[in-house]
Amino acid sequence: MAKGKKHNTRVRQDDDGMVFSTQPGWAPSVNENDSTNSGSNGKQLLYVSLDRKQRAGKPVTLVEGYAGDAMHLLLLGKELKTVCGVGGAVKEGCILIQGDQRTRVIAALEEKGHQVKTKGG
């Protein structure tokens, strides 16, 4: 073993979802209105706009209004960047796509079942 590196045997490599309880008859509660369900996030109203403020005049397409899990927001942002073939980021609950990609973003979001409204001119 290399000097200074410890082998940690307590770290579980596979996440099998095992839950341990010492109480007899205990069962985990299942919440049907859980926000991690992607089906509940499918019919959201999202706002698409073009922004140039504080970006040296370069246009950025913004997608705002997503009310759901942050992981789903990151995955949606990644999918939109892939569809448009450009870069971008997810910051402060908004998806930023580089360039004027409003038509592609709107088409991709409507295909996923979201309601889309445009902001601005």
C-alpha atoms as a PDB file:
ATOM      1  CA  MET A   1       0.000   0.000   0.000  1.00  0.00           C
ATOM      2  CA  ALA A   2       1.274   3.483  -0.832  1.00  0.00           C
ATOM      3  CA  LYS A   3       2.535   5.654   1.946  1.00  0.00           C
ATOM      4  CA  GLY A   4      -0.104   8.061   3.288  1.00  0.00           C
ATOM      5  CA  LYS A   5      -3.045   6.348   1.623  1.00  0.00           C
ATOM      6  CA  LYS A   6      -5.465   4.321   3.705  1.00  0.00           C
ATOM      7  CA  HIS A   7      -7.719   1.644   2.356  1.00  0.00           C
ATOM      8  CA  ASN A   8     -11.183   2.384   3.698  1.00  0.00           C
ATOM      9  CA  THR A   9     -13.198  -0.834   3.986  1.00  0.00           C
ATOM     10  CA  ARG A  10     -16.260   0.889   5.411  1.00  0.00           C
ATOM     11  CA  VAL A  11     -17.172   2.665   2.192  1.00  0.00           C
ATOM     12  CA  ARG A  12     -19.883   0.780   0.316  1.00  0.00           C
ATOM     13  CA  GLN A  13     -19.225   0.677  -3.386  1.00  0.00           C
ATOM     14  CA  ASP A  14     -22.703  -0.322  -4.545  1.00  0.00           C
ATOM     15  CA  ASP A  15     -25.806   1.589  -3.544  1.00  0.00           C
ATOM     16  CA  ASP A  16     -28.349  -1.178  -3.110  1.00  0.00           C
ATOM     17  CA  GLY A  17     -30.763   0.913  -1.023  1.00  0.00           C
ATOM     18  CA  MET A  18     -30.491  -1.323   2.024  1.00  0.00           C
ATOM     19  CA  VAL A  19     -32.049   0.123   5.180  1.00  0.00           C
ATOM     20  CA  PHE A  20     -31.373  -1.384   8.609  1.00  0.00           C
ATOM     21  CA  SER A  21     -33.700  -1.071  11.588  1.00  0.00           C
ATOM     22  CA  THR A  22     -33.711  -2.729  15.002  1.00  0.00           C
ATOM     23  CA  GLN A  23     -37.424  -2.099  15.544  1.00  0.00           C
ATOM     24  CA  PRO A  24     -39.534  -5.178  14.749  1.00  0.00           C
ATOM     25  CA  GLY A  25     -42.283  -4.569  12.219  1.00  0.00           C
ATOM     26  CA  TRP A  26     -40.761  -1.337  10.898  1.00  0.00           C
ATOM     27  CA  ALA A  27     -41.372  -0.533   7.249  1.00  0.00           C
ATOM     28  CA  PRO A  28     -40.067   2.506   5.363  1.00  0.00           C
ATOM     29  CA  SER A  29     -42.730   5.043   4.531  1.00  0.00           C
ATOM     30  CA  VAL A  30     -43.295   5.857   0.876  1.00  0.00           C
ATOM     31  CA  ASN A  31     -44.402   9.374   0.016  1.00  0.00           C
ATOM     32  CA  GLU A  32     -46.461   9.451  -3.170  1.00  0.00           C
ATOM     33  CA  ASN A  33     -45.983  13.204  -3.610  1.00  0.00           C
ATOM     34  CA  ASP A  34     -42.204  12.902  -3.601  1.00  0.00           C
ATOM     35  CA  SER A  35     -40.487  15.633  -5.640  1.00  0.00           C
ATOM     36  CA  THR A  36     -37.926  13.181  -7.019  1.00  0.00           C
ATOM     37  CA  ASN A  37     -40.582  11.665  -9.248  1.00  0.00           C
ATOM     38  CA  SER A  38     -39.780  12.911 -12.734  1.00  0.00           C
ATOM     39  CA  GLY A  39     -43.372  12.411 -13.869  1.00  0.00           C
ATOM     40  CA  SER A  40     -44.604  15.183 -11.580  1.00  0.00           C
ATOM     41  CA  ASN A  41     -42.014  17.544 -13.061  1.00  0.00           C
ATOM     42  CA  GLY A  42     -43.125  16.838 -16.629  1.00  0.00           C
ATOM     43  CA  LYS A  43     -45.878  19.452 -16.968  1.00  0.00           C
ATOM     44  CA  GLN A  44     -44.220  22.586 -15.652  1.00  0.00           C
ATOM     45  CA  LEU A  45     -44.495  26.108 -16.956  1.00  0.00           C
ATOM     46  CA  LEU A  46     -41.031  27.243 -18.010  1.00  0.00           C
ATOM     47  CA  TYR A  47     -39.997  30.683 -19.258  1.00  0.00           C
ATOM     48  CA  VAL A  48     -37.461  31.042 -22.072  1.00  0.00           C
ATOM     49  CA  SER A  49     -35.791  34.404 -22.669  1.00  0.00           C
ATOM     50  CA  LEU A  50     -32.733  35.981 -24.257  1.00  0.00           C
ATOM     51  CA  ASP A  51     -30.339  37.892 -22.010  1.00  0.00           C
ATOM     52  CA  ARG A  52     -27.327  40.082 -22.809  1.00  0.00           C
ATOM     53  CA  LYS A  53     -26.856  41.846 -19.475  1.00  0.00           C
ATOM     54  CA  GLN A  54     -23.410  41.618 -17.845  1.00  0.00           C
ATOM     55  CA  ARG A  55     -22.154  39.333 -20.617  1.00  0.00           C
ATOM     56  CA  ALA A  56     -20.242  41.798 -22.828  1.00  0.00           C
ATOM     57  CA  GLY A  57     -23.146  41.927 -25.283  1.00  0.00           C
ATOM     58  CA  LYS A  58     -23.090  38.192 -26.003  1.00  0.00           C
ATOM     59  CA  PRO A  59     -26.548  36.563 -26.063  1.00  0.00           C
ATOM     60  CA  VAL A  60     -27.478  33.809 -23.624  1.00  0.00           C
ATOM     61  CA  THR A  61     -30.731  31.842 -23.664  1.00  0.00           C
ATOM     62  CA  LEU A  62     -32.253  31.535 -20.183  1.00  0.00           C
ATOM     63  CA  VAL A  63     -34.694  28.864 -19.013  1.00  0.00           C
ATOM     64  CA  GLU A  64     -36.381  29.877 -15.750  1.00  0.00           C
ATOM     65  CA  GLY A  65     -39.216  28.665 -13.564  1.00  0.00           C
ATOM     66  CA  TYR A  66     -38.178  25.065 -12.955  1.00  0.00           C
ATOM     67  CA  ALA A  67     -39.630  23.919  -9.645  1.00  0.00           C
ATOM     68  CA  GLY A  68     -38.162  20.549  -8.901  1.00  0.00           C
ATOM     69  CA  ASP A  69     -35.168  18.569  -7.848  1.00  0.00           C
ATOM     70  CA  ALA A  70     -31.759  20.139  -8.484  1.00  0.00           C
ATOM     71  CA  MET A  71     -30.479  16.912 -10.012  1.00  0.00           C
ATOM     72  CA  HIS A  72     -33.315  16.910 -12.557  1.00  0.00           C
ATOM     73  CA  LEU A  73     -32.492  20.542 -13.353  1.00  0.00           C
ATOM     74  CA  LEU A  74     -28.856  19.616 -14.027  1.00  0.00           C
ATOM     75  CA  LEU A  75     -29.909  16.731 -16.258  1.00  0.00           C
ATOM     76  CA  LEU A  76     -32.347  18.953 -18.162  1.00  0.00           C
ATOM     77  CA  GLY A  77     -29.606  21.547 -18.634  1.00  0.00           C
ATOM     78  CA  LYS A  78     -27.228  18.906 -19.944  1.00  0.00           C
ATOM     79  CA  GLU A  79     -29.849  17.613 -22.363  1.00  0.00           C
ATOM     80  CA  LEU A  80     -30.607  21.115 -23.666  1.00  0.00           C
ATOM     81  CA  LYS A  81     -26.898  21.836 -24.187  1.00  0.00           C
ATOM     82  CA  THR A  82     -26.578  18.580 -26.118  1.00  0.00           C
ATOM     83  CA  VAL A  83     -29.629  19.333 -28.298  1.00  0.00           C
ATOM     84  CA  CYS A  84     -28.329  22.810 -29.136  1.00  0.00           C
ATOM     85  CA  GLY A  85     -24.711  21.705 -29.540  1.00  0.00           C
ATOM     86  CA  VAL A  86     -23.385  24.556 -27.412  1.00  0.00           C
ATOM     87  CA  GLY A  87     -22.078  25.165 -23.919  1.00  0.00           C
ATOM     88  CA  GLY A  88     -23.903  26.524 -20.941  1.00  0.00           C
ATOM     89  CA  ALA A  89     -24.411  26.240 -17.212  1.00  0.00           C
ATOM     90  CA  VAL A  90     -26.992  25.790 -14.477  1.00  0.00           C
ATOM     91  CA  LYS A  91     -26.841  28.637 -11.949  1.00  0.00           C
ATOM     92  CA  GLU A  92     -29.273  29.792  -9.279  1.00  0.00           C
ATOM     93  CA  GLY A  93     -32.124  27.613 -10.543  1.00  0.00           C
ATOM     94  CA  CYS A  94     -31.774  28.831 -14.150  1.00  0.00           C
ATOM     95  CA  ILE A  95     -30.383  27.070 -17.187  1.00  0.00           C
ATOM     96  CA  LEU A  96     -28.060  29.225 -19.303  1.00  0.00           C
ATOM     97  CA  ILE A  97     -27.453  28.159 -22.913  1.00  0.00           C
ATOM     98  CA  GLN A  98     -24.822  30.026 -24.932  1.00  0.00           C
ATOM     99  CA  GLY A  99     -26.126  31.957 -27.933  1.00  0.00           C
ATOM    100  CA  ASP A 100     -29.630  32.639 -29.243  1.00  0.00           C
ATOM    101  CA  GLN A 101     -31.022  29.092 -29.074  1.00  0.00           C
ATOM    102  CA  ARG A 102     -34.625  29.961 -28.198  1.00  0.00           C
ATOM    103  CA  THR A 103     -36.292  27.992 -31.015  1.00  0.00           C
ATOM    104  CA  ARG A 104     -34.311  24.814 -30.328  1.00  0.00           C
ATOM    105  CA  VAL A 105     -34.806  25.078 -26.567  1.00  0.00           C
ATOM    106  CA  ILE A 106     -38.556  25.649 -26.901  1.00  0.00           C
ATOM    107  CA  ALA A 107     -38.908  22.695 -29.278  1.00  0.00           C
ATOM    108  CA  ALA A 108     -36.919  20.404 -26.961  1.00  0.00           C
ATOM    109  CA  LEU A 109     -38.877  21.438 -23.855  1.00  0.00           C
ATOM    110  CA  GLU A 110     -42.253  21.012 -25.561  1.00  0.00           C
ATOM    111  CA  GLU A 111     -41.160  17.587 -26.775  1.00  0.00           C
ATOM    112  CA  LYS A 112     -40.487  16.629 -23.138  1.00  0.00           C
ATOM    113  CA  GLY A 113     -44.004  17.747 -22.175  1.00  0.00           C
ATOM    114  CA  HIS A 114     -43.277  21.095 -20.531  1.00  0.00           C
ATOM    115  CA  GLN A 115     -45.398  24.177 -21.105  1.00  0.00           C
ATOM    116  CA  VAL A 116     -43.201  26.967 -22.471  1.00  0.00           C
ATOM    117  CA  LYS A 117     -43.690  30.725 -22.581  1.00  0.00           C
ATOM    118  CA  THR A 118     -41.275  33.263 -24.029  1.00  0.00           C
ATOM    119  CA  LYS A 119     -40.255  36.383 -22.142  1.00  0.00           C
ATOM    120  CA  GLY A 120     -39.018  39.553 -23.748  1.00  0.00           C
ATOM    121  CA  GLY A 121     -39.169  40.606 -27.372  1.00  0.00           C
END
